[in-house]
Amino acid sequence: MKVLIIGGTGTISSPITNTLSKMDNVELYVLNRGKKKTEELKGVKYLVSDIKDVERVKTLLKDLEFDVVINFLIMNLEDAKNNYEIFKDKTKQFIYISTVCVLNGPSSCNLNEDSLVGNCYSMYGIEKASAERFFLQKYKEDNFNVVIVRPTQTYSDHRIPLSVKGSNYWGVVSRMLKGKKVIVHGDGQSVWAGTHALDFSKAFMGLVNNEKANGEVYQIMNPEVYTWDMIYSTLARLLNVEYNPVYIPTDILVYSKKYDFVGSIQGDKRWSKIFDVKKINEVIPDLKFDIDMEKGLSMFIEYMDAHPEEKIEDEEFDKWCDDVIELYEKHFEILSNEML
């Protein structure tokens, strides 16, 4: 089986690339810009190009055909059209990594592959949905064998699900370790779901070169249900510190001039989401997710302790949090004292 991965160095794609590289029946190619310094995997054929450079990629791949192409880097309709142009006659199956952010969050908290598509707030979700529609149209009209995969938030050893963060993940953990308050959107009780990248990879492999998956959409996520408070309080316990949340309504956070909380919170994390995973379980009947949230957070802490160079302080975010918390608590006190 000849497989091409486009990307291959990200949170989701790295473990999938690693898994495929170890399979005896797979001849694996990886195409990316070659800008991320990662260890090259044995037996993998690396191709260097920007996938957006359509003519160069066509030249690079002119003598190659694939059983499966997996693209982790499609962000919008233009990307989808370019990929169709490149691969329409070069692959038997094309897997597009979309996102559950394409869904209309306010319409329902119980979500499956047939739930209403139409995010009104997140440009990321809107653009990814446009690519979905294009690929499904090409499947129906031109027999382009696409598989659409919708992950929820996928995390790994160096990143974790967080409510409000700045330029990195350590900035929030650092505040906790210093005994500072941390901002959580809403009241911390909206329901969320996250999946460790290793678990995602295991489920994803059931779709690769699977003819029955062609033309279908699949949600892949750990069905474990938890609130944002549960995430933060578990993180605090593992860090052996006190959890000091400040709950700020999303309706206020979206006015931030520094961070895009319209897309990341109003368009995604604000809404409670309970995901149905029956469809992927039909593909992999014995599918089990081994890494629950507590284990995943523990793995993050262990990784960061082993890589202190990645404990990068986010001073701008830290000051922003201090200023916002001070302002919010001041006006909250005034309002609470004047409430009838």
C-alpha atoms as a PDB file:
ATOM      1  CA  MET A   1       0.000   0.000   0.000  1.00  0.00           C
ATOM      2  CA  LYS A   2       1.492   3.317  -1.104  1.00  0.00           C
ATOM      3  CA  VAL A   3       0.507   6.231   1.174  1.00  0.00           C
ATOM      4  CA  LEU A   4       1.255   9.953   0.942  1.00  0.00           C
ATOM      5  CA  ILE A   5       0.936  12.166   4.019  1.00  0.00           C
ATOM      6  CA  ILE A   6       0.818  15.917   3.534  1.00  0.00           C
ATOM      7  CA  GLY A   7       2.079  17.528   6.711  1.00  0.00           C
ATOM      8  CA  GLY A   8       3.163  14.796   9.070  1.00  0.00           C
ATOM      9  CA  THR A   9       4.765  16.882  11.816  1.00  0.00           C
ATOM     10  CA  GLY A  10       1.748  18.220  13.731  1.00  0.00           C
ATOM     11  CA  THR A  11      -0.066  17.099  16.868  1.00  0.00           C
ATOM     12  CA  ILE A  12      -2.492  14.844  14.997  1.00  0.00           C
ATOM     13  CA  SER A  13      -0.323  13.849  12.045  1.00  0.00           C
ATOM     14  CA  SER A  14       2.890  12.897  13.873  1.00  0.00           C
ATOM     15  CA  PRO A  15       1.614   9.689  15.545  1.00  0.00           C
ATOM     16  CA  ILE A  16      -0.203   8.656  12.355  1.00  0.00           C
ATOM     17  CA  THR A  17       2.986   9.116  10.364  1.00  0.00           C
ATOM     18  CA  ASN A  18       4.930   7.177  12.967  1.00  0.00           C
ATOM     19  CA  THR A  19       2.407   4.305  12.944  1.00  0.00           C
ATOM     20  CA  LEU A  20       2.332   4.011   9.155  1.00  0.00           C
ATOM     21  CA  SER A  21       6.133   4.123   8.970  1.00  0.00           C
ATOM     22  CA  LYS A  22       6.324   0.934  11.028  1.00  0.00           C
ATOM     23  CA  MET A  23       3.867  -1.087   8.925  1.00  0.00           C
ATOM     24  CA  ASP A  24       5.543  -3.656   6.677  1.00  0.00           C
ATOM     25  CA  ASN A  25       2.886  -3.387   3.978  1.00  0.00           C
ATOM     26  CA  VAL A  26       3.131   0.412   3.665  1.00  0.00           C
ATOM     27  CA  GLU A  27       5.393   2.411   1.364  1.00  0.00           C
ATOM     28  CA  LEU A  28       5.177   5.832   2.994  1.00  0.00           C
ATOM     29  CA  TYR A  29       5.815   9.252   1.479  1.00  0.00           C
ATOM     30  CA  VAL A  30       5.668  12.522   3.445  1.00  0.00           C
ATOM     31  CA  LEU A  31       5.336  15.889   1.718  1.00  0.00           C
ATOM     32  CA  ASN A  32       5.848  19.157   3.572  1.00  0.00           C
ATOM     33  CA  ARG A  33       7.919  22.331   3.460  1.00  0.00           C
ATOM     34  CA  GLY A  34      10.717  20.739   5.487  1.00  0.00           C
ATOM     35  CA  LYS A  35      10.824  23.665   7.898  1.00  0.00           C
ATOM     36  CA  LYS A  36      10.109  21.761  11.119  1.00  0.00           C
ATOM     37  CA  LYS A  37      13.149  20.077  12.566  1.00  0.00           C
ATOM     38  CA  THR A  38      11.975  16.554  13.267  1.00  0.00           C
ATOM     39  CA  GLU A  39      13.752  13.237  13.229  1.00  0.00           C
ATOM     40  CA  GLU A  40      13.385  11.468   9.895  1.00  0.00           C
ATOM     41  CA  LEU A  41      11.704   8.092  10.182  1.00  0.00           C
ATOM     42  CA  LYS A  42      13.396   5.025   8.783  1.00  0.00           C
ATOM     43  CA  GLY A  43      12.089   3.921   5.400  1.00  0.00           C
ATOM     44  CA  VAL A  44      10.019   7.070   4.783  1.00  0.00           C
ATOM     45  CA  LYS A  45      10.497   8.951   1.519  1.00  0.00           C
ATOM     46  CA  TYR A  46      10.449  12.692   2.190  1.00  0.00           C
ATOM     47  CA  LEU A  47       9.370  15.194  -0.450  1.00  0.00           C
ATOM     48  CA  VAL A  48       9.948  18.918   0.114  1.00  0.00           C
ATOM     49  CA  SER A  49       7.416  21.369  -1.257  1.00  0.00           C
ATOM     50  CA  ASP A  50       4.626  23.702  -0.193  1.00  0.00           C
ATOM     51  CA  ILE A  51       1.362  21.929  -1.067  1.00  0.00           C
ATOM     52  CA  LYS A  52      -0.017  25.334  -2.104  1.00  0.00           C
ATOM     53  CA  ASP A  53       2.491  25.434  -4.966  1.00  0.00           C
ATOM     54  CA  VAL A  54       0.298  23.321  -7.240  1.00  0.00           C
ATOM     55  CA  GLU A  55       2.537  23.233 -10.314  1.00  0.00           C
ATOM     56  CA  ARG A  56       5.640  22.313  -8.339  1.00  0.00           C
ATOM     57  CA  VAL A  57       3.790  19.540  -6.511  1.00  0.00           C
ATOM     58  CA  LYS A  58       2.440  18.195  -9.793  1.00  0.00           C
ATOM     59  CA  THR A  59       5.990  18.052 -11.150  1.00  0.00           C
ATOM     60  CA  LEU A  60       7.284  16.444  -7.971  1.00  0.00           C
ATOM     61  CA  LEU A  61       4.611  13.727  -8.093  1.00  0.00           C
ATOM     62  CA  LYS A  62       4.380  13.259 -11.867  1.00  0.00           C
ATOM     63  CA  ASP A  63       5.620   9.647 -11.797  1.00  0.00           C
ATOM     64  CA  LEU A  64       3.834   8.643  -8.589  1.00  0.00           C
ATOM     65  CA  GLU A  65       0.390   7.248  -7.803  1.00  0.00           C
ATOM     66  CA  PHE A  66      -0.988   6.348  -4.377  1.00  0.00           C
ATOM     67  CA  ASP A  67      -3.488   4.081  -2.728  1.00  0.00           C
ATOM     68  CA  VAL A  68      -4.145   6.709  -0.045  1.00  0.00           C
ATOM     69  CA  VAL A  69      -3.413  10.418   0.308  1.00  0.00           C
ATOM     70  CA  ILE A  70      -3.934  12.011   3.742  1.00  0.00           C
ATOM     71  CA  ASN A  71      -3.886  15.805   3.967  1.00  0.00           C
ATOM     72  CA  PHE A  72      -3.733  17.524   7.370  1.00  0.00           C
ATOM     73  CA  LEU A  73      -3.224  21.005   5.915  1.00  0.00           C
ATOM     74  CA  ILE A  74      -6.447  21.844   4.046  1.00  0.00           C
ATOM     75  CA  MET A  75      -7.907  24.995   5.576  1.00  0.00           C
ATOM     76  CA  ASN A  76     -10.340  26.379   3.002  1.00  0.00           C
ATOM     77  CA  LEU A  77     -12.107  25.930  -0.323  1.00  0.00           C
ATOM     78  CA  GLU A  78      -9.097  27.041  -2.367  1.00  0.00           C
ATOM     79  CA  ASP A  79      -6.936  24.386  -0.690  1.00  0.00           C
ATOM     80  CA  ALA A  80      -9.596  21.762  -1.413  1.00  0.00           C
ATOM     81  CA  LYS A  81      -9.798  22.722  -5.094  1.00  0.00           C
ATOM     82  CA  ASN A  82      -6.021  22.654  -5.437  1.00  0.00           C
ATOM     83  CA  ASN A  83      -5.795  19.211  -3.833  1.00  0.00           C
ATOM     84  CA  TYR A  84      -8.515  17.871  -6.103  1.00  0.00           C
ATOM     85  CA  GLU A  85      -6.632  19.219  -9.099  1.00  0.00           C
ATOM     86  CA  ILE A  86      -3.430  17.512  -7.965  1.00  0.00           C
ATOM     87  CA  PHE A  87      -4.793  14.163  -6.797  1.00  0.00           C
ATOM     88  CA  LYS A  88      -7.975  13.468  -8.814  1.00  0.00           C
ATOM     89  CA  ASP A  89      -6.110  10.946 -10.997  1.00  0.00           C
ATOM     90  CA  LYS A  90      -3.374   9.992  -8.546  1.00  0.00           C
ATOM     91  CA  THR A  91      -5.037   8.287  -5.596  1.00  0.00           C
ATOM     92  CA  LYS A  92      -7.650   5.641  -4.881  1.00  0.00           C
ATOM     93  CA  GLN A  93      -8.599   7.329  -1.581  1.00  0.00           C
ATOM     94  CA  PHE A  94      -8.213  10.867  -0.246  1.00  0.00           C
ATOM     95  CA  ILE A  95      -8.623  11.579   3.480  1.00  0.00           C
ATOM     96  CA  TYR A  96      -9.426  15.153   4.496  1.00  0.00           C
ATOM     97  CA  ILE A  97      -8.938  16.122   8.150  1.00  0.00           C
ATOM     98  CA  SER A  98     -11.790  18.492   8.934  1.00  0.00           C
ATOM     99  CA  THR A  99     -13.073  19.471  12.401  1.00  0.00           C
ATOM    100  CA  VAL A 100     -16.205  19.333  14.558  1.00  0.00           C
ATOM    101  CA  CYS A 101     -15.933  23.122  14.520  1.00  0.00           C
ATOM    102  CA  VAL A 102     -17.884  22.994  11.237  1.00  0.00           C
ATOM    103  CA  LEU A 103     -21.014  22.139  13.254  1.00  0.00           C
ATOM    104  CA  ASN A 104     -23.628  24.577  14.494  1.00  0.00           C
ATOM    105  CA  GLY A 105     -22.807  24.478  18.209  1.00  0.00           C
ATOM    106  CA  PRO A 106     -25.947  26.196  19.565  1.00  0.00           C
ATOM    107  CA  SER A 107     -28.295  23.871  17.649  1.00  0.00           C
ATOM    108  CA  SER A 108     -27.691  20.777  19.791  1.00  0.00           C
ATOM    109  CA  CYS A 109     -25.372  19.414  22.465  1.00  0.00           C
ATOM    110  CA  ASN A 110     -25.760  15.850  21.134  1.00  0.00           C
ATOM    111  CA  LEU A 111     -23.714  15.673  17.954  1.00  0.00           C
ATOM    112  CA  ASN A 112     -23.163  13.036  15.295  1.00  0.00           C
ATOM    113  CA  GLU A 113     -22.075  13.011  11.647  1.00  0.00           C
ATOM    114  CA  ASP A 114     -25.550  14.139  10.527  1.00  0.00           C
ATOM    115  CA  SER A 115     -25.751  17.129  12.881  1.00  0.00           C
ATOM    116  CA  LEU A 116     -26.356  20.571  11.414  1.00  0.00           C
ATOM    117  CA  VAL A 117     -23.293  22.075   9.737  1.00  0.00           C
ATOM    118  CA  GLY A 118     -23.008  25.846   9.967  1.00  0.00           C
ATOM    119  CA  ASN A 119     -20.753  27.594  12.463  1.00  0.00           C
ATOM    120  CA  CYS A 120     -21.852  31.218  12.670  1.00  0.00           C
ATOM    121  CA  TYR A 121     -18.814  32.526  14.576  1.00  0.00           C
ATOM    122  CA  SER A 122     -15.593  30.677  13.720  1.00  0.00           C
ATOM    123  CA  MET A 123     -13.995  31.476  10.371  1.00  0.00           C
ATOM    124  CA  TYR A 124     -11.890  28.353  10.839  1.00  0.00           C
ATOM    125  CA  GLY A 125     -15.047  26.239  11.044  1.00  0.00           C
ATOM    126  CA  ILE A 126     -16.726  28.084   8.174  1.00  0.00           C
ATOM    127  CA  GLU A 127     -13.730  27.616   5.856  1.00  0.00           C
ATOM    128  CA  LYS A 128     -13.286  23.936   6.754  1.00  0.00           C
ATOM    129  CA  ALA A 129     -16.991  23.327   6.056  1.00  0.00           C
ATOM    130  CA  SER A 130     -16.653  24.828   2.584  1.00  0.00           C
ATOM    131  CA  ALA A 131     -13.893  22.313   1.846  1.00  0.00           C
ATOM    132  CA  GLU A 132     -16.126  19.488   3.106  1.00  0.00           C
ATOM    133  CA  ARG A 133     -18.937  20.471   0.750  1.00  0.00           C
ATOM    134  CA  PHE A 134     -16.576  20.640  -2.208  1.00  0.00           C
ATOM    135  CA  PHE A 135     -15.095  17.195  -1.586  1.00  0.00           C
ATOM    136  CA  LEU A 136     -18.469  15.541  -1.050  1.00  0.00           C
ATOM    137  CA  GLN A 137     -19.686  17.088  -4.283  1.00  0.00           C
ATOM    138  CA  LYS A 138     -16.657  15.669  -6.113  1.00  0.00           C
ATOM    139  CA  TYR A 139     -17.336  12.248  -4.597  1.00  0.00           C
ATOM    140  CA  LYS A 140     -20.893  12.272  -5.949  1.00  0.00           C
ATOM    141  CA  GLU A 141     -20.155  13.799  -9.339  1.00  0.00           C
ATOM    142  CA  ASP A 142     -16.647  12.536 -10.194  1.00  0.00           C
ATOM    143  CA  ASN A 143     -16.173   9.432  -8.021  1.00  0.00           C
ATOM    144  CA  PHE A 144     -13.397  11.146  -6.072  1.00  0.00           C
ATOM    145  CA  ASN A 145     -13.092   8.777  -3.112  1.00  0.00           C
ATOM    146  CA  VAL A 146     -12.868  11.191  -0.216  1.00  0.00           C
ATOM    147  CA  VAL A 147     -13.147  10.356   3.487  1.00  0.00           C
ATOM    148  CA  ILE A 148     -13.857  13.257   5.856  1.00  0.00           C
ATOM    149  CA  VAL A 149     -12.624  13.017   9.439  1.00  0.00           C
ATOM    150  CA  ARG A 150     -13.842  15.395  12.146  1.00  0.00           C
ATOM    151  CA  PRO A 151     -11.745  15.457  15.306  1.00  0.00           C
ATOM    152  CA  THR A 152     -12.595  17.487  18.356  1.00  0.00           C
ATOM    153  CA  GLN A 153      -9.728  19.080  20.289  1.00  0.00           C
ATOM    154  CA  THR A 154      -6.786  16.697  19.971  1.00  0.00           C
ATOM    155  CA  TYR A 155      -3.966  17.137  22.455  1.00  0.00           C
ATOM    156  CA  SER A 156      -0.567  15.573  23.113  1.00  0.00           C
ATOM    157  CA  ASP A 157       2.465  15.614  25.380  1.00  0.00           C
ATOM    158  CA  HIS A 158       3.119  19.313  24.817  1.00  0.00           C
ATOM    159  CA  ARG A 159      -0.406  20.726  24.554  1.00  0.00           C
ATOM    160  CA  ILE A 160      -3.615  20.285  26.553  1.00  0.00           C
ATOM    161  CA  PRO A 161      -7.252  21.442  26.413  1.00  0.00           C
ATOM    162  CA  LEU A 162      -7.492  24.905  27.969  1.00  0.00           C
ATOM    163  CA  SER A 163     -10.320  27.399  28.177  1.00  0.00           C
ATOM    164  CA  VAL A 164      -8.536  30.738  27.837  1.00  0.00           C
ATOM    165  CA  LYS A 165      -4.886  30.780  26.795  1.00  0.00           C
ATOM    166  CA  GLY A 166      -2.386  33.042  25.094  1.00  0.00           C
ATOM    167  CA  SER A 167       0.413  32.172  22.681  1.00  0.00           C
ATOM    168  CA  ASN A 168       1.245  28.857  24.361  1.00  0.00           C
ATOM    169  CA  TYR A 169      -0.072  26.310  26.868  1.00  0.00           C
ATOM    170  CA  TRP A 170       2.521  26.771  29.580  1.00  0.00           C
ATOM    171  CA  GLY A 171       1.305  30.304  30.306  1.00  0.00           C
ATOM    172  CA  VAL A 172      -1.801  28.967  32.076  1.00  0.00           C
ATOM    173  CA  VAL A 173       0.113  26.248  33.947  1.00  0.00           C
ATOM    174  CA  SER A 174       2.662  28.826  35.055  1.00  0.00           C
ATOM    175  CA  ARG A 175      -0.090  30.982  36.577  1.00  0.00           C
ATOM    176  CA  MET A 176      -1.384  27.960  38.497  1.00  0.00           C
ATOM    177  CA  LEU A 177       2.089  27.148  39.831  1.00  0.00           C
ATOM    178  CA  LYS A 178       2.486  30.759  40.995  1.00  0.00           C
ATOM    179  CA  GLY A 179      -0.833  30.605  42.850  1.00  0.00           C
ATOM    180  CA  LYS A 180      -2.460  33.050  40.465  1.00  0.00           C
ATOM    181  CA  LYS A 181      -6.071  33.036  39.336  1.00  0.00           C
ATOM    182  CA  VAL A 182      -6.898  31.584  35.933  1.00  0.00           C
ATOM    183  CA  ILE A 183      -9.661  32.707  33.592  1.00  0.00           C
ATOM    184  CA  VAL A 184     -12.301  30.153  32.590  1.00  0.00           C
ATOM    185  CA  HIS A 185     -15.062  31.086  30.177  1.00  0.00           C
ATOM    186  CA  GLY A 186     -18.708  30.997  31.272  1.00  0.00           C
ATOM    187  CA  ASP A 187     -19.193  29.253  34.603  1.00  0.00           C
ATOM    188  CA  GLY A 188     -16.867  26.339  33.849  1.00  0.00           C
ATOM    189  CA  GLN A 189     -19.768  23.918  33.474  1.00  0.00           C
ATOM    190  CA  SER A 190     -20.071  23.554  29.707  1.00  0.00           C
ATOM    191  CA  VAL A 191     -19.283  20.014  28.566  1.00  0.00           C
ATOM    192  CA  TRP A 192     -16.284  19.291  26.395  1.00  0.00           C
ATOM    193  CA  ALA A 193     -14.446  16.380  24.795  1.00  0.00           C
ATOM    194  CA  GLY A 194     -10.788  15.930  23.958  1.00  0.00           C
ATOM    195  CA  THR A 195      -8.723  13.116  22.508  1.00  0.00           C
ATOM    196  CA  HIS A 196      -5.078  12.290  23.008  1.00  0.00           C
ATOM    197  CA  ALA A 197      -3.254  12.121  19.676  1.00  0.00           C
ATOM    198  CA  LEU A 198      -2.155   8.526  20.301  1.00  0.00           C
ATOM    199  CA  ASP A 199      -5.766   7.416  20.748  1.00  0.00           C
ATOM    200  CA  PHE A 200      -6.854   9.412  17.704  1.00  0.00           C
ATOM    201  CA  SER A 201      -4.200   7.716  15.595  1.00  0.00           C
ATOM    202  CA  LYS A 202      -5.381   4.265  16.636  1.00  0.00           C
ATOM    203  CA  ALA A 203      -8.965   4.998  15.578  1.00  0.00           C
ATOM    204  CA  PHE A 204      -7.913   6.788  12.399  1.00  0.00           C
ATOM    205  CA  MET A 205      -6.026   3.770  11.070  1.00  0.00           C
ATOM    206  CA  GLY A 206      -9.309   1.910  10.613  1.00  0.00           C
ATOM    207  CA  LEU A 207     -10.236   4.303   7.792  1.00  0.00           C
ATOM    208  CA  VAL A 208      -6.982   4.102   5.829  1.00  0.00           C
ATOM    209  CA  ASN A 209      -7.472   2.156   2.573  1.00  0.00           C
ATOM    210  CA  ASN A 210     -10.948   1.141   3.747  1.00  0.00           C
ATOM    211  CA  GLU A 211     -13.231   1.229   0.689  1.00  0.00           C
ATOM    212  CA  LYS A 212     -16.364   1.223   2.860  1.00  0.00           C
ATOM    213  CA  ALA A 213     -15.292   4.582   4.326  1.00  0.00           C
ATOM    214  CA  ASN A 214     -15.252   6.378   0.976  1.00  0.00           C
ATOM    215  CA  GLY A 215     -17.798   9.166   0.707  1.00  0.00           C
ATOM    216  CA  GLU A 216     -18.405   9.135   4.459  1.00  0.00           C
ATOM    217  CA  VAL A 217     -17.881  11.544   7.353  1.00  0.00           C
ATOM    218  CA  TYR A 218     -16.510  10.232  10.653  1.00  0.00           C
ATOM    219  CA  GLN A 219     -16.251  11.806  14.072  1.00  0.00           C
ATOM    220  CA  ILE A 220     -13.192  10.567  15.977  1.00  0.00           C
ATOM    221  CA  MET A 221     -12.894  11.513  19.623  1.00  0.00           C
ATOM    222  CA  ASN A 222     -12.714  10.042  23.092  1.00  0.00           C
ATOM    223  CA  PRO A 223     -16.362   9.907  24.237  1.00  0.00           C
ATOM    224  CA  GLU A 224     -15.352  10.778  27.807  1.00  0.00           C
ATOM    225  CA  VAL A 225     -17.464  13.697  29.037  1.00  0.00           C
ATOM    226  CA  TYR A 226     -16.137  16.402  31.344  1.00  0.00           C
ATOM    227  CA  THR A 227     -16.596  20.078  32.121  1.00  0.00           C
ATOM    228  CA  TRP A 228     -13.964  22.767  31.886  1.00  0.00           C
ATOM    229  CA  ASP A 229     -13.926  22.931  35.675  1.00  0.00           C
ATOM    230  CA  MET A 230     -13.142  19.217  35.764  1.00  0.00           C
ATOM    231  CA  ILE A 231     -10.181  19.731  33.412  1.00  0.00           C
ATOM    232  CA  TYR A 232      -8.742  22.638  35.374  1.00  0.00           C
ATOM    233  CA  SER A 233      -9.330  21.144  38.804  1.00  0.00           C
ATOM    234  CA  THR A 234      -7.683  17.875  37.712  1.00  0.00           C
ATOM    235  CA  LEU A 235      -4.715  19.809  36.333  1.00  0.00           C
ATOM    236  CA  ALA A 236      -4.396  21.749  39.591  1.00  0.00           C
ATOM    237  CA  ARG A 237      -4.513  18.542  41.639  1.00  0.00           C
ATOM    238  CA  LEU A 238      -1.802  16.932  39.511  1.00  0.00           C
ATOM    239  CA  LEU A 239       0.319  20.068  39.930  1.00  0.00           C
ATOM    240  CA  ASN A 240      -0.379  19.955  43.682  1.00  0.00           C
ATOM    241  CA  VAL A 241      -1.688  23.530  43.701  1.00  0.00           C
ATOM    242  CA  GLU A 242      -4.982  25.211  44.531  1.00  0.00           C
ATOM    243  CA  TYR A 243      -7.437  25.830  41.716  1.00  0.00           C
ATOM    244  CA  ASN A 244      -8.372  29.539  41.643  1.00  0.00           C
ATOM    245  CA  PRO A 245     -10.773  30.139  38.751  1.00  0.00           C
ATOM    246  CA  VAL A 246     -12.271  33.431  37.676  1.00  0.00           C
ATOM    247  CA  TYR A 247     -15.385  32.796  35.597  1.00  0.00           C
ATOM    248  CA  ILE A 248     -15.825  35.425  32.910  1.00  0.00           C
ATOM    249  CA  PRO A 249     -18.823  35.265  30.542  1.00  0.00           C
ATOM    250  CA  THR A 250     -18.071  34.559  26.911  1.00  0.00           C
ATOM    251  CA  ASP A 251     -20.168  37.623  26.051  1.00  0.00           C
ATOM    252  CA  ILE A 252     -17.412  39.700  27.677  1.00  0.00           C
ATOM    253  CA  LEU A 253     -14.374  37.732  26.484  1.00  0.00           C
ATOM    254  CA  VAL A 254     -15.330  38.137  22.830  1.00  0.00           C
ATOM    255  CA  TYR A 255     -14.556  41.854  23.101  1.00  0.00           C
ATOM    256  CA  SER A 256     -10.861  41.154  23.680  1.00  0.00           C
ATOM    257  CA  LYS A 257      -8.717  43.206  21.326  1.00  0.00           C
ATOM    258  CA  LYS A 258      -5.710  40.973  21.933  1.00  0.00           C
ATOM    259  CA  TYR A 259      -7.049  37.428  21.500  1.00  0.00           C
ATOM    260  CA  ASP A 260      -9.584  35.901  19.122  1.00  0.00           C
ATOM    261  CA  PHE A 261     -12.143  34.478  21.546  1.00  0.00           C
ATOM    262  CA  VAL A 262     -14.904  34.911  18.978  1.00  0.00           C
ATOM    263  CA  GLY A 263     -13.463  31.996  17.041  1.00  0.00           C
ATOM    264  CA  SER A 264     -11.983  29.872  19.820  1.00  0.00           C
ATOM    265  CA  ILE A 265     -14.700  30.230  22.475  1.00  0.00           C
ATOM    266  CA  GLN A 266     -17.891  31.745  21.034  1.00  0.00           C
ATOM    267  CA  GLY A 267     -17.426  29.632  17.918  1.00  0.00           C
ATOM    268  CA  ASP A 268     -16.431  26.452  19.696  1.00  0.00           C
ATOM    269  CA  LYS A 269     -15.815  26.009  23.424  1.00  0.00           C
ATOM    270  CA  ARG A 270     -18.809  27.972  24.711  1.00  0.00           C
ATOM    271  CA  TRP A 271     -21.288  25.276  23.721  1.00  0.00           C
ATOM    272  CA  SER A 272     -21.667  21.957  25.514  1.00  0.00           C
ATOM    273  CA  LYS A 273     -20.865  19.076  23.160  1.00  0.00           C
ATOM    274  CA  ILE A 274     -21.544  15.375  23.630  1.00  0.00           C
ATOM    275  CA  PHE A 275     -20.295  13.379  20.647  1.00  0.00           C
ATOM    276  CA  ASP A 276     -21.758  10.181  19.275  1.00  0.00           C
ATOM    277  CA  VAL A 277     -18.986   7.793  18.162  1.00  0.00           C
ATOM    278  CA  LYS A 278     -21.159   4.898  16.993  1.00  0.00           C
ATOM    279  CA  LYS A 279     -20.102   5.335  13.366  1.00  0.00           C
ATOM    280  CA  ILE A 280     -16.351   4.949  13.948  1.00  0.00           C
ATOM    281  CA  ASN A 281     -17.122   2.067  16.324  1.00  0.00           C
ATOM    282  CA  GLU A 282     -18.820   0.287  13.427  1.00  0.00           C
ATOM    283  CA  VAL A 283     -15.519   0.458  11.564  1.00  0.00           C
ATOM    284  CA  ILE A 284     -13.516  -0.642  14.616  1.00  0.00           C
ATOM    285  CA  PRO A 285     -15.892  -2.649  16.848  1.00  0.00           C
ATOM    286  CA  ASP A 286     -13.299  -3.204  19.594  1.00  0.00           C
ATOM    287  CA  LEU A 287     -12.102   0.414  19.622  1.00  0.00           C
ATOM    288  CA  LYS A 288     -10.948   1.544  23.062  1.00  0.00           C
ATOM    289  CA  PHE A 289      -9.484   4.866  24.136  1.00  0.00           C
ATOM    290  CA  ASP A 290      -6.684   4.227  26.596  1.00  0.00           C
ATOM    291  CA  ILE A 291      -5.809   7.785  27.616  1.00  0.00           C
ATOM    292  CA  ASP A 292      -8.437   9.562  29.689  1.00  0.00           C
ATOM    293  CA  MET A 293      -8.127  13.223  30.566  1.00  0.00           C
ATOM    294  CA  GLU A 294      -6.321  12.676  33.865  1.00  0.00           C
ATOM    295  CA  LYS A 295      -3.741  10.406  32.249  1.00  0.00           C
ATOM    296  CA  GLY A 296      -3.322  12.835  29.369  1.00  0.00           C
ATOM    297  CA  LEU A 297      -2.711  15.755  31.732  1.00  0.00           C
ATOM    298  CA  SER A 298      -0.215  13.634  33.688  1.00  0.00           C
ATOM    299  CA  MET A 299       1.628  12.844  30.464  1.00  0.00           C
ATOM    300  CA  PHE A 300       1.778  16.562  29.667  1.00  0.00           C
ATOM    301  CA  ILE A 301       3.281  17.403  33.068  1.00  0.00           C
ATOM    302  CA  GLU A 302       5.831  14.590  32.779  1.00  0.00           C
ATOM    303  CA  TYR A 303       6.790  15.712  29.279  1.00  0.00           C
ATOM    304  CA  MET A 304       7.232  19.358  30.293  1.00  0.00           C
ATOM    305  CA  ASP A 305       9.319  18.398  33.326  1.00  0.00           C
ATOM    306  CA  ALA A 306      11.536  16.332  31.025  1.00  0.00           C
ATOM    307  CA  HIS A 307      11.776  19.248  28.552  1.00  0.00           C
ATOM    308  CA  PRO A 308      12.220  22.391  30.683  1.00  0.00           C
ATOM    309  CA  GLU A 309      13.252  24.322  27.562  1.00  0.00           C
ATOM    310  CA  GLU A 310       9.594  24.195  26.520  1.00  0.00           C
ATOM    311  CA  LYS A 311       8.380  25.875  29.713  1.00  0.00           C
ATOM    312  CA  ILE A 312       8.199  29.227  27.980  1.00  0.00           C
ATOM    313  CA  GLU A 313       6.652  32.066  29.954  1.00  0.00           C
ATOM    314  CA  ASP A 314       3.981  34.129  28.220  1.00  0.00           C
ATOM    315  CA  GLU A 315       4.445  37.525  29.826  1.00  0.00           C
ATOM    316  CA  GLU A 316       1.932  39.331  27.609  1.00  0.00           C
ATOM    317  CA  PHE A 317      -0.793  36.813  28.403  1.00  0.00           C
ATOM    318  CA  ASP A 318       0.098  36.890  32.104  1.00  0.00           C
ATOM    319  CA  LYS A 319      -0.257  40.679  32.278  1.00  0.00           C
ATOM    320  CA  TRP A 320      -3.441  40.561  30.197  1.00  0.00           C
ATOM    321  CA  CYS A 321      -4.963  38.068  32.657  1.00  0.00           C
ATOM    322  CA  ASP A 322      -3.975  40.183  35.663  1.00  0.00           C
ATOM    323  CA  ASP A 323      -5.494  43.321  34.118  1.00  0.00           C
ATOM    324  CA  VAL A 324      -8.708  41.628  32.963  1.00  0.00           C
ATOM    325  CA  ILE A 325      -9.251  39.857  36.293  1.00  0.00           C
ATOM    326  CA  GLU A 326      -8.714  43.085  38.244  1.00  0.00           C
ATOM    327  CA  LEU A 327     -11.130  44.989  36.008  1.00  0.00           C
ATOM    328  CA  TYR A 328     -13.748  42.240  36.011  1.00  0.00           C
ATOM    329  CA  GLU A 329     -13.694  41.702  39.787  1.00  0.00           C
ATOM    330  CA  LYS A 330     -13.919  45.448  40.423  1.00  0.00           C
ATOM    331  CA  HIS A 331     -17.037  45.830  38.308  1.00  0.00           C
ATOM    332  CA  PHE A 332     -18.463  42.518  39.517  1.00  0.00           C
ATOM    333  CA  GLU A 333     -18.279  43.808  43.083  1.00  0.00           C
ATOM    334  CA  ILE A 334     -20.000  47.073  42.114  1.00  0.00           C
ATOM    335  CA  LEU A 335     -22.744  45.216  40.252  1.00  0.00           C
ATOM    336  CA  SER A 336     -23.317  42.653  43.010  1.00  0.00           C
ATOM    337  CA  ASN A 337     -23.633  45.412  45.616  1.00  0.00           C
ATOM    338  CA  GLU A 338     -26.233  47.216  43.540  1.00  0.00           C
ATOM    339  CA  MET A 339     -28.320  44.195  42.544  1.00  0.00           C
ATOM    340  CA  LEU A 340     -31.934  44.344  43.770  1.00  0.00           C
END
